[in-house]
């Protein structure tokens, strides 16, 4: 989807991209075991995957992906929550590039075929 060398046009293309293209921006690296097993380094993050946060305040926190927001380009992981001043807890969104996929959700047959096809 490279439209130009110019950074401003690159940013504009990402910002104005439709959702089916934004899905491609939601990739994350696979763990060493999964990488060797499926012969690929990365995969798109979907709901139900098990991930470990690798960067930021919640480093080394593991959990399942609760939701994927393509519009904002973030995911919500179980156990990654912030406490507000009033005491309520809210989920902290995380960029997929900051997580490592440790378990794949293979309930989707298309995804399973795509990933296992690279073995």
PDB file of N, CA and C in Angstrom:
ATOM      1  N   UNK A   1       0.817  -1.186   0.000  1.00  0.00           N
ATOM      2  CA  UNK A   1       0.000   0.000   0.000  1.00  0.00           C
ATOM      3  C   UNK A   1       0.862   1.251   0.000  1.00  0.00           C
ATOM      4  N   UNK A   2       2.073   1.120  -0.507  1.00  0.00           N
ATOM      5  CA  UNK A   2       2.950   2.277  -0.567  1.00  0.00           C
ATOM      6  C   UNK A   2       2.452   3.196  -1.672  1.00  0.00           C
ATOM      7  N   UNK A   3       2.104   4.409  -1.283  1.00  0.00           N
ATOM      8  CA  UNK A   3       1.582   5.357  -2.255  1.00  0.00           C
ATOM      9  C   UNK A   3       2.626   6.377  -2.656  1.00  0.00           C
ATOM     10  N   UNK A   4       3.581   6.626  -1.797  1.00  0.00           N
ATOM     11  CA  UNK A   4       4.558   7.666  -2.048  1.00  0.00           C
ATOM     12  C   UNK A   4       5.738   7.485  -1.105  1.00  0.00           C
ATOM     13  N   UNK A   5       6.828   8.167  -1.405  1.00  0.00           N
ATOM     14  CA  UNK A   5       7.957   8.191  -0.487  1.00  0.00           C
ATOM     15  C   UNK A   5       7.758   9.233   0.601  1.00  0.00           C
ATOM     16  N   UNK A   6       6.899  10.196   0.338  1.00  0.00           N
ATOM     17  CA  UNK A   6       6.743  11.313   1.261  1.00  0.00           C
ATOM     18  C   UNK A   6       6.062  10.875   2.555  1.00  0.00           C
ATOM     19  N   UNK A   7       6.682  11.147   3.702  1.00  0.00           N
ATOM     20  CA  UNK A   7       6.097  10.746   4.981  1.00  0.00           C
ATOM     21  C   UNK A   7       4.688  11.285   5.200  1.00  0.00           C
ATOM     22  N   UNK A   8       4.424  12.513   4.754  1.00  0.00           N
ATOM     23  CA  UNK A   8       3.085  13.054   4.982  1.00  0.00           C
ATOM     24  C   UNK A   8       2.035  12.257   4.218  1.00  0.00           C
ATOM     25  N   UNK A   9       2.390  11.768   3.028  1.00  0.00           N
ATOM     26  CA  UNK A   9       1.434  10.970   2.259  1.00  0.00           C
ATOM     27  C   UNK A   9       1.310   9.561   2.832  1.00  0.00           C
ATOM     28  N   UNK A  10       2.400   9.063   3.409  1.00  0.00           N
ATOM     29  CA  UNK A  10       2.336   7.775   4.091  1.00  0.00           C
ATOM     30  C   UNK A  10       1.382   7.856   5.282  1.00  0.00           C
ATOM     31  N   UNK A  11       1.535   8.921   6.080  1.00  0.00           N
ATOM     32  CA  UNK A  11       0.659   9.112   7.242  1.00  0.00           C
ATOM     33  C   UNK A  11      -0.786   9.290   6.810  1.00  0.00           C
ATOM     34  N   UNK A  12      -0.998  10.064   5.757  1.00  0.00           N
ATOM     35  CA  UNK A  12      -2.357  10.306   5.269  1.00  0.00           C
ATOM     36  C   UNK A  12      -2.998   9.005   4.790  1.00  0.00           C
ATOM     37  N   UNK A  13      -2.228   8.173   4.106  1.00  0.00           N
ATOM     38  CA  UNK A  13      -2.754   6.901   3.619  1.00  0.00           C
ATOM     39  C   UNK A  13      -3.157   6.001   4.779  1.00  0.00           C
ATOM     40  N   UNK A  14      -2.350   5.964   5.834  1.00  0.00           N
ATOM     41  CA  UNK A  14      -2.706   5.160   7.017  1.00  0.00           C
ATOM     42  C   UNK A  14      -3.938   5.714   7.708  1.00  0.00           C
ATOM     43  N   UNK A  15      -3.995   7.031   7.835  1.00  0.00           N
ATOM     44  CA  UNK A  15      -5.106   7.668   8.542  1.00  0.00           C
ATOM     45  C   UNK A  15      -6.426   7.475   7.804  1.00  0.00           C
ATOM     46  N   UNK A  16      -6.395   7.541   6.487  1.00  0.00           N
ATOM     47  CA  UNK A  16      -7.613   7.448   5.683  1.00  0.00           C
ATOM     48  C   UNK A  16      -7.902   6.036   5.190  1.00  0.00           C
ATOM     49  N   UNK A  17      -7.131   5.061   5.629  1.00  0.00           N
ATOM     50  CA  UNK A  17      -7.300   3.691   5.149  1.00  0.00           C
ATOM     51  C   UNK A  17      -8.628   3.107   5.619  1.00  0.00           C
ATOM     52  N   UNK A  18      -9.301   2.336   4.756  1.00  0.00           N
ATOM     53  CA  UNK A  18     -10.524   1.655   5.183  1.00  0.00           C
ATOM     54  C   UNK A  18     -10.193   0.520   6.150  1.00  0.00           C
ATOM     55  N   UNK A  19     -11.223   0.012   6.827  1.00  0.00           N
ATOM     56  CA  UNK A  19     -11.001  -0.968   7.895  1.00  0.00           C
ATOM     57  C   UNK A  19     -10.369  -2.266   7.400  1.00  0.00           C
ATOM     58  N   UNK A  20     -10.695  -2.707   6.186  1.00  0.00           N
ATOM     59  CA  UNK A  20     -10.109  -3.961   5.718  1.00  0.00           C
ATOM     60  C   UNK A  20      -8.612  -3.801   5.437  1.00  0.00           C
ATOM     61  N   UNK A  21      -8.160  -2.591   5.204  1.00  0.00           N
ATOM     62  CA  UNK A  21      -6.729  -2.334   5.063  1.00  0.00           C
ATOM     63  C   UNK A  21      -6.100  -2.127   6.439  1.00  0.00           C
ATOM     64  N   UNK A  22      -6.812  -1.488   7.352  1.00  0.00           N
ATOM     65  CA  UNK A  22      -6.286  -1.256   8.699  1.00  0.00           C
ATOM     66  C   UNK A  22      -6.019  -2.560   9.437  1.00  0.00           C
ATOM     67  N   UNK A  23      -6.717  -3.618   9.071  1.00  0.00           N
ATOM     68  CA  UNK A  23      -6.474  -4.921   9.686  1.00  0.00           C
ATOM     69  C   UNK A  23      -5.018  -5.337   9.482  1.00  0.00           C
ATOM     70  N   UNK A  24      -4.441  -4.944   8.351  1.00  0.00           N
ATOM     71  CA  UNK A  24      -3.056  -5.310   8.056  1.00  0.00           C
ATOM     72  C   UNK A  24      -2.069  -4.589   8.961  1.00  0.00           C
ATOM     73  N   UNK A  25      -2.490  -3.482   9.571  1.00  0.00           N
ATOM     74  CA  UNK A  25      -1.613  -2.738  10.470  1.00  0.00           C
ATOM     75  C   UNK A  25      -1.610  -3.330  11.874  1.00  0.00           C
ATOM     76  N   UNK A  26      -2.445  -4.334  12.133  1.00  0.00           N
ATOM     77  CA  UNK A  26      -2.626  -4.873  13.478  1.00  0.00           C
ATOM     78  C   UNK A  26      -1.771  -6.122  13.707  1.00  0.00           C
ATOM     79  N   UNK A  27      -0.603  -6.153  13.135  1.00  0.00           N
ATOM     80  CA  UNK A  27       0.262  -7.309  13.264  1.00  0.00           C
ATOM     81  C   UNK A  27       1.107  -7.263  14.520  1.00  0.00           C
ATOM     82  N   UNK A  28       1.485  -8.442  15.004  1.00  0.00           N
ATOM     83  CA  UNK A  28       2.379  -8.560  16.153  1.00  0.00           C
ATOM     84  C   UNK A  28       3.257  -9.791  15.943  1.00  0.00           C
ATOM     85  N   UNK A  29       4.414  -9.791  16.591  1.00  0.00           N
ATOM     86  CA  UNK A  29       5.330 -10.915  16.461  1.00  0.00           C
ATOM     87  C   UNK A  29       4.798 -12.135  17.200  1.00  0.00           C
ATOM     88  N   UNK A  30       5.168 -13.297  16.697  1.00  0.00           N
ATOM     89  CA  UNK A  30       4.837 -14.552  17.360  1.00  0.00           C
ATOM     90  C   UNK A  30       5.977 -14.941  18.296  1.00  0.00           C
ATOM     91  N   UNK A  31       5.650 -15.708  19.335  1.00  0.00           N
ATOM     92  CA  UNK A  31       6.681 -16.209  20.243  1.00  0.00           C
ATOM     93  C   UNK A  31       7.588 -17.174  19.481  1.00  0.00           C
ATOM     94  N   UNK A  32       8.731 -17.487  20.060  1.00  0.00           N
ATOM     95  CA  UNK A  32       9.698 -18.353  19.388  1.00  0.00           C
ATOM     96  C   UNK A  32       9.102 -19.720  19.064  1.00  0.00           C
ATOM     97  N   UNK A  33       8.329 -20.290  20.006  1.00  0.00           N
ATOM     98  CA  UNK A  33       7.735 -21.608  19.773  1.00  0.00           C
ATOM     99  C   UNK A  33       6.749 -21.563  18.606  1.00  0.00           C
ATOM    100  N   UNK A  34       5.857 -20.559  18.616  1.00  0.00           N
ATOM    101  CA  UNK A  34       4.873 -20.440  17.537  1.00  0.00           C
ATOM    102  C   UNK A  34       5.552 -20.107  16.216  1.00  0.00           C
ATOM    103  N   UNK A  35       6.595 -19.308  16.279  1.00  0.00           N
ATOM    104  CA  UNK A  35       7.314 -18.926  15.069  1.00  0.00           C
ATOM    105  C   UNK A  35       7.939 -20.146  14.397  1.00  0.00           C
ATOM    106  N   UNK A  36       8.517 -21.020  15.198  1.00  0.00           N
ATOM    107  CA  UNK A  36       9.108 -22.241  14.648  1.00  0.00           C
ATOM    108  C   UNK A  36       8.023 -23.205  14.166  1.00  0.00           C
ATOM    109  N   UNK A  37       6.942 -23.306  14.921  1.00  0.00           N
ATOM    110  CA  UNK A  37       5.877 -24.247  14.585  1.00  0.00           C
ATOM    111  C   UNK A  37       5.179 -23.882  13.283  1.00  0.00           C
ATOM    112  N   UNK A  38       4.869 -22.599  13.109  1.00  0.00           N
ATOM    113  CA  UNK A  38       4.105 -22.169  11.940  1.00  0.00           C
ATOM    114  C   UNK A  38       4.964 -21.543  10.852  1.00  0.00           C
ATOM    115  N   UNK A  39       6.271 -21.467  11.079  1.00  0.00           N
ATOM    116  CA  UNK A  39       7.211 -20.984  10.073  1.00  0.00           C
ATOM    117  C   UNK A  39       6.892 -19.563   9.593  1.00  0.00           C
ATOM    118  N   UNK A  40       6.462 -18.723  10.516  1.00  0.00           N
ATOM    119  CA  UNK A  40       6.210 -17.320  10.207  1.00  0.00           C
ATOM    120  C   UNK A  40       6.537 -16.486  11.437  1.00  0.00           C
ATOM    121  N   UNK A  41       6.904 -15.238  11.217  1.00  0.00           N
ATOM    122  CA  UNK A  41       7.351 -14.403  12.329  1.00  0.00           C
ATOM    123  C   UNK A  41       6.235 -13.613  12.980  1.00  0.00           C
ATOM    124  N   UNK A  42       5.175 -13.308  12.228  1.00  0.00           N
ATOM    125  CA  UNK A  42       4.140 -12.434  12.770  1.00  0.00           C
ATOM    126  C   UNK A  42       2.764 -12.859  12.282  1.00  0.00           C
ATOM    127  N   UNK A  43       1.745 -12.305  12.943  1.00  0.00           N
ATOM    128  CA  UNK A  43       0.357 -12.573  12.569  1.00  0.00           C
ATOM    129  C   UNK A  43      -0.487 -11.391  13.014  1.00  0.00           C
ATOM    130  N   UNK A  44      -1.679 -11.292  12.443  1.00  0.00           N
ATOM    131  CA  UNK A  44      -2.604 -10.249  12.864  1.00  0.00           C
ATOM    132  C   UNK A  44      -3.198 -10.637  14.213  1.00  0.00           C
ATOM    133  N   UNK A  45      -3.369  -9.663  15.081  1.00  0.00           N
ATOM    134  CA  UNK A  45      -3.951  -9.906  16.399  1.00  0.00           C
ATOM    135  C   UNK A  45      -5.464  -9.912  16.260  1.00  0.00           C
ATOM    136  N   UNK A  46      -6.117 -10.954  16.805  1.00  0.00           N
ATOM    137  CA  UNK A  46      -7.573 -11.010  16.812  1.00  0.00           C
ATOM    138  C   UNK A  46      -8.043 -11.316  18.233  1.00  0.00           C
ATOM    139  N   UNK A  47      -9.338 -11.149  18.454  1.00  0.00           N
ATOM    140  CA  UNK A  47      -9.922 -11.428  19.761  1.00  0.00           C
ATOM    141  C   UNK A  47      -9.736 -12.911  20.074  1.00  0.00           C
ATOM    142  N   UNK A  48      -9.272 -13.202  21.278  1.00  0.00           N
ATOM    143  CA  UNK A  48      -9.062 -14.583  21.699  1.00  0.00           C
ATOM    144  C   UNK A  48      -7.608 -15.008  21.702  1.00  0.00           C
ATOM    145  N   UNK A  49      -6.736 -14.260  21.047  1.00  0.00           N
ATOM    146  CA  UNK A  49      -5.308 -14.563  21.100  1.00  0.00           C
ATOM    147  C   UNK A  49      -4.782 -14.314  22.513  1.00  0.00           C
ATOM    148  N   UNK A  50      -3.772 -15.075  22.901  1.00  0.00           N
ATOM    149  CA  UNK A  50      -3.087 -14.829  24.165  1.00  0.00           C
ATOM    150  C   UNK A  50      -1.808 -14.064  23.851  1.00  0.00           C
ATOM    151  N   UNK A  51      -1.622 -12.939  24.541  1.00  0.00           N
ATOM    152  CA  UNK A  51      -0.470 -12.089  24.257  1.00  0.00           C
ATOM    153  C   UNK A  51       0.258 -11.729  25.547  1.00  0.00           C
ATOM    154  N   UNK A  52       1.513 -11.350  25.404  1.00  0.00           N
ATOM    155  CA  UNK A  52       2.319 -10.819  26.497  1.00  0.00           C
ATOM    156  C   UNK A  52       2.762  -9.425  26.098  1.00  0.00           C
ATOM    157  N   UNK A  53       2.553  -8.465  26.990  1.00  0.00           N
ATOM    158  CA  UNK A  53       2.958  -7.090  26.716  1.00  0.00           C
ATOM    159  C   UNK A  53       4.473  -6.998  26.875  1.00  0.00           C
ATOM    160  N   UNK A  54       5.141  -6.421  25.882  1.00  0.00           N
ATOM    161  CA  UNK A  54       6.598  -6.360  25.878  1.00  0.00           C
ATOM    162  C   UNK A  54       7.145  -4.970  26.181  1.00  0.00           C
ATOM    163  N   UNK A  55       6.324  -3.941  26.068  1.00  0.00           N
ATOM    164  CA  UNK A  55       6.784  -2.571  26.258  1.00  0.00           C
ATOM    165  C   UNK A  55       5.809  -1.800  27.128  1.00  0.00           C
ATOM    166  N   UNK A  56       6.307  -0.811  27.832  1.00  0.00           N
ATOM    167  CA  UNK A  56       5.448   0.091  28.577  1.00  0.00           C
ATOM    168  C   UNK A  56       5.269  -0.288  30.035  1.00  0.00           C
ATOM    169  N   UNK A  57       4.296   0.369  30.666  1.00  0.00           N
ATOM    170  CA  UNK A  57       4.043   0.183  32.096  1.00  0.00           C
ATOM    171  C   UNK A  57       3.598  -1.233  32.437  1.00  0.00           C
ATOM    172  N   UNK A  58       2.984  -1.934  31.492  1.00  0.00           N
ATOM    173  CA  UNK A  58       2.426  -3.260  31.754  1.00  0.00           C
ATOM    174  C   UNK A  58       3.301  -4.366  31.175  1.00  0.00           C
ATOM    175  N   UNK A  59       4.590  -4.116  31.085  1.00  0.00           N
ATOM    176  CA  UNK A  59       5.520  -5.088  30.543  1.00  0.00           C
ATOM    177  C   UNK A  59       5.430  -6.407  31.307  1.00  0.00           C
ATOM    178  N   UNK A  60       5.489  -7.518  30.575  1.00  0.00           N
ATOM    179  CA  UNK A  60       5.440  -8.890  31.092  1.00  0.00           C
ATOM    180  C   UNK A  60       4.067  -9.295  31.607  1.00  0.00           C
ATOM    181  N   UNK A  61       3.030  -8.508  31.363  1.00  0.00           N
ATOM    182  CA  UNK A  61       1.670  -8.903  31.722  1.00  0.00           C
ATOM    183  C   UNK A  61       1.107  -9.730  30.571  1.00  0.00           C
ATOM    184  N   UNK A  62       0.565 -10.906  30.902  1.00  0.00           N
ATOM    185  CA  UNK A  62      -0.034 -11.772  29.891  1.00  0.00           C
ATOM    186  C   UNK A  62      -1.538 -11.785  30.048  1.00  0.00           C
ATOM    187  N   UNK A  63      -2.233 -11.973  28.953  1.00  0.00           N
ATOM    188  CA  UNK A  63      -3.681 -12.058  28.996  1.00  0.00           C
ATOM    189  C   UNK A  63      -4.254 -12.289  27.616  1.00  0.00           C
ATOM    190  N   UNK A  64      -5.557 -12.512  27.596  1.00  0.00           N
ATOM    191  CA  UNK A  64      -6.253 -12.705  26.328  1.00  0.00           C
ATOM    192  C   UNK A  64      -6.674 -11.361  25.760  1.00  0.00           C
ATOM    193  N   UNK A  65      -6.745 -11.293  24.446  1.00  0.00           N
ATOM    194  CA  UNK A  65      -7.194 -10.076  23.777  1.00  0.00           C
ATOM    195  C   UNK A  65      -8.711 -10.013  23.893  1.00  0.00           C
ATOM    196  N   UNK A  66      -9.214  -8.948  24.536  1.00  0.00           N
ATOM    197  CA  UNK A  66     -10.656  -8.776  24.723  1.00  0.00           C
ATOM    198  C   UNK A  66     -11.300  -8.103  23.529  1.00  0.00           C
ATOM    199  N   UNK A  67     -10.633  -7.094  22.979  1.00  0.00           N
ATOM    200  CA  UNK A  67     -11.198  -6.391  21.830  1.00  0.00           C
ATOM    201  C   UNK A  67     -10.087  -5.825  20.966  1.00  0.00           C
ATOM    202  N   UNK A  68     -10.427  -5.625  19.691  1.00  0.00           N
ATOM    203  CA  UNK A  68      -9.515  -5.035  18.721  1.00  0.00           C
ATOM    204  C   UNK A  68     -10.233  -3.844  18.109  1.00  0.00           C
ATOM    205  N   UNK A  69      -9.642  -2.664  18.230  1.00  0.00           N
ATOM    206  CA  UNK A  69     -10.237  -1.439  17.698  1.00  0.00           C
ATOM    207  C   UNK A  69      -9.445  -1.023  16.461  1.00  0.00           C
ATOM    208  N   UNK A  70      -9.995  -1.336  15.283  1.00  0.00           N
ATOM    209  CA  UNK A  70      -9.297  -1.012  14.046  1.00  0.00           C
ATOM    210  C   UNK A  70      -9.274   0.484  13.791  1.00  0.00           C
ATOM    211  N   UNK A  71     -10.300   1.180  14.249  1.00  0.00           N
ATOM    212  CA  UNK A  71     -10.372   2.621  14.016  1.00  0.00           C
ATOM    213  C   UNK A  71      -9.207   3.345  14.692  1.00  0.00           C
ATOM    214  N   UNK A  72      -8.900   2.938  15.931  1.00  0.00           N
ATOM    215  CA  UNK A  72      -7.813   3.582  16.672  1.00  0.00           C
ATOM    216  C   UNK A  72      -6.503   2.803  16.583  1.00  0.00           C
ATOM    217  N   UNK A  73      -6.556   1.590  16.073  1.00  0.00           N
ATOM    218  CA  UNK A  73      -5.343   0.794  15.924  1.00  0.00           C
ATOM    219  C   UNK A  73      -4.806   0.250  17.223  1.00  0.00           C
ATOM    220  N   UNK A  74      -5.689  -0.092  18.170  1.00  0.00           N
ATOM    221  CA  UNK A  74      -5.263  -0.581  19.475  1.00  0.00           C
ATOM    222  C   UNK A  74      -6.007  -1.861  19.832  1.00  0.00           C
ATOM    223  N   UNK A  75      -5.464  -2.579  20.829  1.00  0.00           N
ATOM    224  CA  UNK A  75      -6.119  -3.767  21.365  1.00  0.00           C
ATOM    225  C   UNK A  75      -6.288  -3.588  22.864  1.00  0.00           C
ATOM    226  N   UNK A  76      -7.241  -4.335  23.436  1.00  0.00           N
ATOM    227  CA  UNK A  76      -7.458  -4.342  24.883  1.00  0.00           C
ATOM    228  C   UNK A  76      -7.159  -5.753  25.370  1.00  0.00           C
ATOM    229  N   UNK A  77      -6.297  -5.856  26.390  1.00  0.00           N
ATOM    230  CA  UNK A  77      -5.849  -7.140  26.915  1.00  0.00           C
ATOM    231  C   UNK A  77      -6.367  -7.311  28.335  1.00  0.00           C
ATOM    232  N   UNK A  78      -6.823  -8.522  28.665  1.00  0.00           N
ATOM    233  CA  UNK A  78      -7.267  -8.826  30.015  1.00  0.00           C
ATOM    234  C   UNK A  78      -6.114  -8.616  30.992  1.00  0.00           C
ATOM    235  N   UNK A  79      -6.380  -7.917  32.083  1.00  0.00           N
ATOM    236  CA  UNK A  79      -5.360  -7.681  33.093  1.00  0.00           C
ATOM    237  C   UNK A  79      -4.591  -6.387  32.916  1.00  0.00           C
ATOM    238  N   UNK A  80      -4.800  -5.710  31.818  1.00  0.00           N
ATOM    239  CA  UNK A  80      -4.138  -4.425  31.584  1.00  0.00           C
ATOM    240  C   UNK A  80      -5.172  -3.340  31.846  1.00  0.00           C
ATOM    241  N   UNK A  81      -5.217  -2.877  33.104  1.00  0.00           N
ATOM    242  CA  UNK A  81      -6.218  -1.893  33.505  1.00  0.00           C
ATOM    243  C   UNK A  81      -5.557  -0.759  34.268  1.00  0.00           C
ATOM    244  N   UNK A  82      -6.158   0.408  34.163  1.00  0.00           N
ATOM    245  CA  UNK A  82      -5.714   1.573  34.923  1.00  0.00           C
ATOM    246  C   UNK A  82      -6.800   1.931  35.918  1.00  0.00           C
ATOM    247  N   UNK A  83      -6.393   2.414  37.077  1.00  0.00           N
ATOM    248  CA  UNK A  83      -7.342   2.841  38.094  1.00  0.00           C
ATOM    249  C   UNK A  83      -7.470   4.353  38.032  1.00  0.00           C
ATOM    250  N   UNK A  84      -8.699   4.825  37.898  1.00  0.00           N
ATOM    251  CA  UNK A  84      -8.949   6.259  37.845  1.00  0.00           C
ATOM    252  C   UNK A  84      -8.963   6.836  39.259  1.00  0.00           C
ATOM    253  N   UNK A  85      -8.991   8.143  39.342  1.00  0.00           N
ATOM    254  CA  UNK A  85      -8.954   8.818  40.640  1.00  0.00           C
ATOM    255  C   UNK A  85     -10.165   8.445  41.491  1.00  0.00           C
ATOM    256  N   UNK A  86     -11.318   8.245  40.841  1.00  0.00           N
ATOM    257  CA  UNK A  86     -12.522   7.903  41.600  1.00  0.00           C
ATOM    258  C   UNK A  86     -12.571   6.425  41.992  1.00  0.00           C
ATOM    259  N   UNK A  87     -11.542   5.652  41.628  1.00  0.00           N
ATOM    260  CA  UNK A  87     -11.471   4.253  42.026  1.00  0.00           C
ATOM    261  C   UNK A  87     -11.944   3.276  40.969  1.00  0.00           C
ATOM    262  N   UNK A  88     -12.587   3.762  39.931  1.00  0.00           N
ATOM    263  CA  UNK A  88     -13.059   2.852  38.890  1.00  0.00           C
ATOM    264  C   UNK A  88     -11.885   2.403  38.024  1.00  0.00           C
ATOM    265  N   UNK A  89     -12.032   1.219  37.459  1.00  0.00           N
ATOM    266  CA  UNK A  89     -10.978   0.650  36.638  1.00  0.00           C
ATOM    267  C   UNK A  89     -11.390   0.693  35.177  1.00  0.00           C
ATOM    268  N   UNK A  90     -10.465   1.098  34.335  1.00  0.00           N
ATOM    269  CA  UNK A  90     -10.725   1.172  32.898  1.00  0.00           C
ATOM    270  C   UNK A  90      -9.618   0.417  32.164  1.00  0.00           C
ATOM    271  N   UNK A  91      -9.972  -0.243  31.049  1.00  0.00           N
ATOM    272  CA  UNK A  91      -8.937  -0.948  30.286  1.00  0.00           C
ATOM    273  C   UNK A  91      -7.995   0.039  29.615  1.00  0.00           C
ATOM    274  N   UNK A  92      -6.717  -0.306  29.565  1.00  0.00           N
ATOM    275  CA  UNK A  92      -5.710   0.538  28.928  1.00  0.00           C
ATOM    276  C   UNK A  92      -5.436  -0.023  27.536  1.00  0.00           C
ATOM    277  N   UNK A  93      -5.725   0.721  26.494  1.00  0.00           N
ATOM    278  CA  UNK A  93      -5.451   0.222  25.143  1.00  0.00           C
ATOM    279  C   UNK A  93      -3.946   0.147  24.867  1.00  0.00           C
ATOM    280  N   UNK A  94      -3.564  -0.830  24.063  1.00  0.00           N
ATOM    281  CA  UNK A  94      -2.157  -1.075  23.761  1.00  0.00           C
ATOM    282  C   UNK A  94      -2.008  -1.227  22.248  1.00  0.00           C
ATOM    283  N   UNK A  95      -0.922  -0.703  21.707  1.00  0.00           N
ATOM    284  CA  UNK A  95      -0.636  -0.899  20.289  1.00  0.00           C
ATOM    285  C   UNK A  95      -0.164  -2.329  20.065  1.00  0.00           C
ATOM    286  N   UNK A  96      -0.628  -2.981  19.009  1.00  0.00           N
ATOM    287  CA  UNK A  96      -0.262  -4.379  18.776  1.00  0.00           C
ATOM    288  C   UNK A  96       1.238  -4.596  18.581  1.00  0.00           C
ATOM    289  N   UNK A  97       1.951  -3.579  18.137  1.00  0.00           N
ATOM    290  CA  UNK A  97       3.393  -3.739  17.932  1.00  0.00           C
ATOM    291  C   UNK A  97       4.129  -3.918  19.252  1.00  0.00           C
ATOM    292  N   UNK A  98       3.469  -3.625  20.370  1.00  0.00           N
ATOM    293  CA  UNK A  98       4.100  -3.730  21.684  1.00  0.00           C
ATOM    294  C   UNK A  98       3.790  -5.042  22.391  1.00  0.00           C
ATOM    295  N   UNK A  99       3.186  -5.993  21.696  1.00  0.00           N
ATOM    296  CA  UNK A  99       2.866  -7.271  22.323  1.00  0.00           C
ATOM    297  C   UNK A  99       3.513  -8.412  21.552  1.00  0.00           C
ATOM    298  N   UNK A 100       3.606  -9.558  22.214  1.00  0.00           N
ATOM    299  CA  UNK A 100       4.108 -10.790  21.630  1.00  0.00           C
ATOM    300  C   UNK A 100       2.988 -11.817  21.714  1.00  0.00           C
ATOM    301  N   UNK A 101       2.633 -12.410  20.600  1.00  0.00           N
ATOM    302  CA  UNK A 101       1.561 -13.413  20.592  1.00  0.00           C
ATOM    303  C   UNK A 101       2.127 -14.730  21.109  1.00  0.00           C
ATOM    304  N   UNK A 102       1.532 -15.240  22.205  1.00  0.00           N
ATOM    305  CA  UNK A 102       1.994 -16.498  22.790  1.00  0.00           C
ATOM    306  C   UNK A 102       1.002 -17.632  22.572  1.00  0.00           C
ATOM    307  N   UNK A 103      -0.220 -17.303  22.155  1.00  0.00           N
ATOM    308  CA  UNK A 103      -1.222 -18.318  21.865  1.00  0.00           C
ATOM    309  C   UNK A 103      -2.166 -17.817  20.796  1.00  0.00           C
ATOM    310  N   UNK A 104      -2.403 -18.637  19.781  1.00  0.00           N
ATOM    311  CA  UNK A 104      -3.253 -18.227  18.667  1.00  0.00           C
ATOM    312  C   UNK A 104      -4.673 -18.743  18.835  1.00  0.00           C
ATOM    313  N   UNK A 105      -5.637 -17.932  18.466  1.00  0.00           N
ATOM    314  CA  UNK A 105      -7.030 -18.337  18.413  1.00  0.00           C
ATOM    315  C   UNK A 105      -7.279 -18.882  17.010  1.00  0.00           C
ATOM    316  N   UNK A 106      -7.404 -20.202  16.893  1.00  0.00           N
ATOM    317  CA  UNK A 106      -7.559 -20.831  15.583  1.00  0.00           C
ATOM    318  C   UNK A 106      -8.980 -21.318  15.336  1.00  0.00           C
ATOM    319  N   UNK A 107      -9.966 -20.672  15.968  1.00  0.00           N
ATOM    320  CA  UNK A 107     -11.361 -21.046  15.732  1.00  0.00           C
ATOM    321  C   UNK A 107     -11.814 -20.652  14.335  1.00  0.00           C
ATOM    322  N   UNK A 108     -11.202 -19.614  13.777  1.00  0.00           N
ATOM    323  CA  UNK A 108     -11.518 -19.174  12.425  1.00  0.00           C
ATOM    324  C   UNK A 108     -10.771 -20.081  11.443  1.00  0.00           C
ATOM    325  N   UNK A 109     -11.513 -20.837  10.644  1.00  0.00           N
ATOM    326  CA  UNK A 109     -10.909 -21.816   9.743  1.00  0.00           C
ATOM    327  C   UNK A 109     -10.052 -21.152   8.670  1.00  0.00           C
ATOM    328  N   UNK A 110     -10.448 -19.954   8.242  1.00  0.00           N
ATOM    329  CA  UNK A 110      -9.655 -19.241   7.238  1.00  0.00           C
ATOM    330  C   UNK A 110      -8.301 -18.853   7.804  1.00  0.00           C
ATOM    331  N   UNK A 111      -8.301 -18.362   9.032  1.00  0.00           N
ATOM    332  CA  UNK A 111      -7.040 -17.982   9.667  1.00  0.00           C
ATOM    333  C   UNK A 111      -6.170 -19.212   9.904  1.00  0.00           C
ATOM    334  N   UNK A 112      -6.796 -20.287  10.339  1.00  0.00           N
ATOM    335  CA  UNK A 112      -6.053 -21.520  10.582  1.00  0.00           C
ATOM    336  C   UNK A 112      -5.393 -22.014   9.294  1.00  0.00           C
ATOM    337  N   UNK A 113      -6.137 -21.977   8.193  1.00  0.00           N
ATOM    338  CA  UNK A 113      -5.585 -22.426   6.919  1.00  0.00           C
ATOM    339  C   UNK A 113      -4.455 -21.515   6.457  1.00  0.00           C
ATOM    340  N   UNK A 114      -4.600 -20.212   6.674  1.00  0.00           N
ATOM    341  CA  UNK A 114      -3.574 -19.260   6.254  1.00  0.00           C
ATOM    342  C   UNK A 114      -2.284 -19.468   7.047  1.00  0.00           C
ATOM    343  N   UNK A 115      -2.418 -19.661   8.354  1.00  0.00           N
ATOM    344  CA  UNK A 115      -1.226 -19.810   9.189  1.00  0.00           C
ATOM    345  C   UNK A 115      -0.594 -21.186   8.996  1.00  0.00           C
ATOM    346  N   UNK A 116      -1.414 -22.226   8.938  1.00  0.00           N
ATOM    347  CA  UNK A 116      -0.868 -23.570   8.782  1.00  0.00           C
ATOM    348  C   UNK A 116      -0.355 -23.816   7.372  1.00  0.00           C
ATOM    349  N   UNK A 117      -0.799 -23.008   6.420  1.00  0.00           N
ATOM    350  CA  UNK A 117      -0.314 -23.144   5.054  1.00  0.00           C
ATOM    351  C   UNK A 117       1.145 -22.781   4.910  1.00  0.00           C
ATOM    352  N   UNK A 118       1.684 -22.044   5.878  1.00  0.00           N
ATOM    353  CA  UNK A 118       3.085 -21.626   5.823  1.00  0.00           C
ATOM    354  C   UNK A 118       4.012 -22.639   6.476  1.00  0.00           C
ATOM    355  N   UNK A 119       3.437 -23.707   7.058  1.00  0.00           N
ATOM    356  CA  UNK A 119       4.273 -24.710   7.739  1.00  0.00           C
ATOM    357  C   UNK A 119       5.169 -25.420   6.750  1.00  0.00           C
TER     358      UNK A 119
END
